[in-house]
Every structure is written in C-alpha cells, then in structure tokens.
Protein backbone atom coordinates (compact mmCIF):
# COMPACT_ATOMS: atom_id res chain seq x y z
CA MET A 1 -7.76 -0.25 3.21
CA TYR A 2 -10.29 -2.98 3.57
CA ALA A 3 -9.55 -5.29 0.61
CA ASP A 4 -8.41 -8.85 1.39
CA THR A 5 -5.06 -8.09 -0.21
CA PHE A 6 -2.84 -7.76 2.85
CA GLN A 7 -0.03 -10.22 3.37
CA PRO A 8 1.64 -8.83 6.49
CA VAL A 9 4.56 -10.43 8.42
CA VAL A 10 4.88 -9.41 11.92
CA ASP A 11 8.43 -10.07 13.31
CA GLY A 12 8.49 -13.03 10.87
CA GLY A 13 5.91 -14.88 13.04
CA ALA A 14 2.20 -15.08 13.67
CA CYS A 15 0.27 -11.78 13.78
CA PRO A 16 -0.74 -11.00 17.40
CA TRP A 17 -3.93 -9.36 15.94
CA ASN A 18 -4.98 -12.49 14.09
CA LEU A 19 -4.40 -11.00 10.62
CA ASP A 20 -7.43 -8.79 11.03
CA CYS A 21 -5.92 -6.22 8.69
CA HIS A 22 -9.35 -4.74 7.81
CA ASN A 23 -9.58 -3.27 11.32
CA CYS A 24 -5.91 -3.02 12.33
CA ASP A 25 -4.61 0.44 13.06
CA LYS A 26 -1.10 -0.94 13.22
CA PHE A 27 -0.80 -1.95 9.57
CA VAL A 28 1.84 0.23 7.91
CA LEU A 29 3.38 0.61 4.49
CA SER A 30 6.89 1.78 3.70
CA GLY A 31 8.56 2.93 0.49
CA ALA A 32 9.96 -0.58 0.17
CA ASP A 33 6.29 -1.79 -0.29
CA LEU A 34 5.46 0.49 -3.19
CA LEU A 35 6.36 -1.75 -6.10
CA TYR A 36 4.74 -4.74 -4.53
CA TRP A 37 1.45 -2.85 -4.02
CA ARG A 38 1.68 -1.39 -7.54
CA ARG A 39 1.79 -4.86 -8.96
CA LYS A 40 -1.10 -5.94 -6.77
CA ARG A 41 -3.08 -2.96 -8.15
CA GLU A 42 -2.25 -4.10 -11.71
CA GLN A 43 -3.36 -7.64 -10.89
CA TRP A 44 -6.69 -6.39 -9.61
CA ARG A 45 -7.19 -4.26 -12.77
CA LEU A 46 -6.50 -7.17 -14.96
CA LEU A 47 -8.92 -9.36 -13.03
CA ALA A 48 -11.57 -6.70 -13.42
CA GLU A 49 -10.91 -6.33 -17.14
CA GLY A 50 -11.30 -10.11 -17.54
CA ALA A 51 -14.49 -10.28 -15.52
CA PRO A 52 -17.37 -12.05 -17.29
CA ASP A 53 -19.69 -9.07 -16.90
CA ASP A 54 -19.80 -5.36 -15.94
CA THR A 55 -21.30 -6.08 -12.57
CA THR A 56 -18.46 -8.30 -11.52
CA ALA A 57 -15.86 -5.86 -12.99
CA GLU A 58 -17.44 -2.98 -10.98
CA TYR A 59 -17.46 -5.10 -7.78
CA LEU A 60 -13.80 -5.95 -8.18
CA HIS A 61 -12.94 -2.25 -8.70
CA ARG A 62 -14.89 -1.21 -5.73
CA TYR A 63 -13.51 -3.92 -3.52
CA PHE A 64 -9.91 -2.89 -4.22
CA GLU A 65 -10.58 0.92 -4.19
CA PRO A 66 -9.47 1.43 -0.49
CA THR A 67 -6.28 -0.34 -1.22
CA ALA A 68 -5.73 1.66 -4.39
CA ARG A 69 -6.27 4.93 -2.46
CA ALA A 70 -3.67 3.78 0.09
CA ILE A 71 -1.14 3.07 -2.79
CA ASP A 72 -1.90 6.59 -4.18
CA GLY A 73 -1.39 8.00 -0.75
CA LEU A 74 1.94 6.14 -0.30
CA GLU A 75 3.14 7.63 -3.57
CA LYS A 76 2.19 11.09 -2.37
CA ALA A 77 3.84 10.66 0.96
CA LEU A 78 7.01 9.37 -0.62
CA ALA A 79 7.07 12.14 -3.14
CA GLY A 80 6.64 14.64 -0.28
CA LEU A 81 9.69 13.27 1.50
CA GLY A 82 11.75 13.00 -1.73
CA LEU A 83 11.84 9.27 -1.57
CA LEU A 84 9.56 8.30 -4.54
CA ASP A 85 12.40 7.80 -7.04
CA ASP A 86 14.19 5.63 -4.53
CA ALA A 87 11.14 3.52 -3.96
CA LEU A 88 10.57 3.11 -7.72
CA ALA A 89 14.20 2.13 -8.26
CA LEU A 90 14.24 -0.48 -5.49
CA ASP A 91 15.25 -3.92 -6.68
CA LEU A 92 14.20 -6.48 -4.07
CA ARG A 93 16.30 -9.13 -5.79
CA LYS A 94 19.50 -7.52 -4.56
CA PRO A 95 20.81 -7.25 -1.02
CA GLN A 96 19.35 -4.23 0.78
CA ASP A 97 20.45 -1.86 3.46
CA TYR A 98 17.35 -2.08 5.63
CA PHE A 99 18.32 1.04 7.63
CA GLN A 100 17.79 3.32 4.69
CA ARG A 101 14.94 5.77 4.85
CA ILE A 102 13.10 3.86 2.07
CA TRP A 103 12.70 0.89 4.49
CA SER A 104 12.39 2.63 7.84
CA THR A 105 9.86 5.40 6.87
CA ALA A 106 6.37 3.93 7.26
CA PHE A 107 2.80 5.23 7.26
CA ARG A 108 -0.37 3.81 8.71
CA ALA A 109 -2.37 2.29 5.95
CA ALA A 110 -5.56 4.03 6.98
CA ASP A 111 -3.78 7.37 6.77
CA LEU A 112 -2.47 6.52 3.30
CA ALA A 113 -6.00 5.60 2.10
CA GLU A 114 -7.24 8.92 3.35
CA ALA A 115 -4.37 10.74 1.68
CA GLY A 116 -4.99 8.88 -1.58
CA SER A 117 -8.49 10.40 -1.66
CA GLU A 118 -8.91 13.72 -3.60
CA GLY A 119 -8.15 16.89 -1.64
CA ALA A 120 -6.03 15.13 1.02
CA ASP A 121 -3.21 16.99 2.79
CA ASP A 122 0.52 16.23 2.67
CA MET A 123 1.48 13.02 4.51
CA ALA A 124 4.99 14.04 5.42
CA GLY A 125 3.84 15.00 8.96
CA GLN A 126 2.26 11.54 9.55
CA VAL A 127 5.28 9.24 9.58
CA ALA A 128 4.80 6.25 11.80
C-alpha cells in the first residue's frame, strides 16, 4: 500500500515513524477499518471518473491500486475468519466493544495488498 491515503493514529499521539506509511511494516488494518477504506476506494473511483482526461484518470487508478489491493485482501482475510459480515455491519456511530474480534484482529497492510492480488493464499494464518 503506497498511496497517500493513510491516516493512522498511533496511541492517539504522534507517529514514532514520522507517518512514513509508504515504508512502514507496522501499519495494520482491522475489520473495524473495512468500511472506512471502502469509502476511500469509492472516493478515489469518483475522482478518477471526474478526471479531465484519460491520462489523469489512469494515473489516479494506478496510484490507488496498492491500497485497493489491500482492501480486497482485508475482505478476503475477514471472510476467511468469518468476520466479514460483522465488519460490514459495524456502525461506528454507536458505542463499540473494542475487545471484539472485529477490532482486535489486524493484518499488516503489506500482507493485505499481497493477498488482494490475484492468486493470493488465505490470510487467516497471518494475523498480526
């Protein structure tokens, strides 16, 4: 995942890795992140559709592609663990039990991007 779409919060404070998410092997996504990232993917698609020309649209698609693969990988991983429906039903406007598996099961973003590629193996064994 290399797109400038990350908005991490590390312990609610400053990131000790200077928000270098492009190269950070510590960046993880959980099931609680799925709807957020799906919305981001849709925003990028809409930006690309509204691009002034095909070259710009293609650039936007390529730029977000690693992130889109990670979102696909997250969906595969959650489905493999039986958590996809829970993630899709999550309503962040309501109080949450942060100890539920949907919050506490996380995967490294780089592994998710790899899993989102065609022919990737099951992610269930790569829980962070």
